[in-house]
């Protein structure tokens, strides 16, 4: 479930919104009616370690190749 708030409201209620994010809810911050940012929970260290190791709880992740990692790193760089 996603909650959308405007910038001023997000500044006023930041602690409350972060508590909602910790509980698993997603918060979208909007300027007027246009969404500009999304607050989501950062993965727990053990979840992140599993992703880096190429594991997935759903078993769908695969190991990235060296070439893919370099391409992702360099994507959008001005000079290569």
Protein backbone atom coordinates (compact mmCIF):
# COMPACT_ATOMS: atom_id res chain seq x y z
CA UNK A 1 0.00 0.00 0.00
CA UNK A 2 1.27 3.48 -0.85
CA UNK A 3 0.64 6.79 0.89
CA UNK A 4 1.10 10.06 -1.03
CA UNK A 5 1.91 13.32 0.78
CA UNK A 6 2.92 16.79 -0.37
CA UNK A 7 6.35 18.20 0.45
CA UNK A 8 5.21 20.49 3.27
CA UNK A 9 3.27 17.70 4.95
CA UNK A 10 6.27 15.36 4.59
CA UNK A 11 8.52 17.89 6.34
CA UNK A 12 6.03 18.31 9.17
CA UNK A 13 5.32 14.58 9.64
CA UNK A 14 8.72 13.07 8.77
CA UNK A 15 9.06 10.98 11.96
CA UNK A 16 5.55 9.58 11.53
CA UNK A 17 6.17 8.80 7.86
CA UNK A 18 9.45 7.04 8.65
CA UNK A 19 7.62 4.89 11.23
CA UNK A 20 5.17 3.88 8.48
CA UNK A 21 8.08 3.04 6.16
CA UNK A 22 9.66 0.89 8.90
CA UNK A 23 6.34 -0.95 9.17
CA UNK A 24 6.54 -1.79 5.46
CA UNK A 25 4.42 0.97 3.91
CA UNK A 26 5.64 2.99 0.95
CA UNK A 27 5.43 6.81 1.07
CA UNK A 28 5.39 8.92 -2.10
CA UNK A 29 6.27 12.62 -1.82
CA UNK A 30 4.63 14.89 -4.38
CA UNK A 31 5.06 18.47 -5.52
CA UNK A 32 1.48 19.46 -6.21
CA UNK A 33 0.02 16.42 -7.95
CA UNK A 34 3.33 15.21 -9.45
CA UNK A 35 5.18 12.46 -7.53
CA UNK A 36 8.86 13.32 -7.13
CA UNK A 37 10.26 10.88 -4.53
CA UNK A 38 9.52 7.54 -2.89
CA UNK A 39 10.44 6.47 0.64
CA UNK A 40 10.90 2.73 1.07
CA UNK A 41 12.55 0.57 3.69
CA UNK A 42 16.20 -0.29 3.19
CA UNK A 43 16.79 -4.06 3.11
CA UNK A 44 18.11 -5.62 6.31
CA UNK A 45 21.84 -6.41 6.17
CA UNK A 46 21.23 -10.16 5.95
CA UNK A 47 18.79 -9.68 3.04
CA UNK A 48 21.30 -7.46 1.24
CA UNK A 49 24.09 -10.01 1.76
CA UNK A 50 21.90 -12.70 0.20
CA UNK A 51 21.23 -10.51 -2.83
CA UNK A 52 24.91 -9.74 -3.30
CA UNK A 53 25.71 -13.45 -3.09
CA UNK A 54 23.26 -14.07 -5.95
CA UNK A 55 20.64 -15.74 -3.80
CA UNK A 56 16.98 -14.86 -3.68
CA UNK A 57 14.29 -15.82 -1.24
CA UNK A 58 12.05 -16.49 -4.23
CA UNK A 59 14.85 -18.30 -6.05
CA UNK A 60 14.51 -16.08 -9.13
CA UNK A 61 17.77 -14.10 -8.99
CA UNK A 62 20.76 -15.13 -11.04
CA UNK A 63 24.42 -14.24 -10.80
CA UNK A 64 25.36 -11.17 -12.85
CA UNK A 65 28.28 -11.42 -15.23
CA UNK A 66 31.30 -9.16 -14.96
CA UNK A 67 30.33 -7.52 -18.25
CA UNK A 68 26.82 -6.73 -16.99
CA UNK A 69 28.18 -5.14 -13.82
CA UNK A 70 30.59 -2.97 -15.81
CA UNK A 71 27.82 -1.95 -18.23
CA UNK A 72 25.51 -0.96 -15.32
CA UNK A 73 28.34 0.97 -13.67
CA UNK A 74 29.17 2.87 -16.86
CA UNK A 75 25.61 3.48 -18.05
CA UNK A 76 25.01 7.21 -18.33
CA UNK A 77 28.63 8.21 -17.83
CA UNK A 78 29.67 11.12 -19.93
CA UNK A 79 33.17 9.81 -20.73
CA UNK A 80 33.92 6.13 -21.05
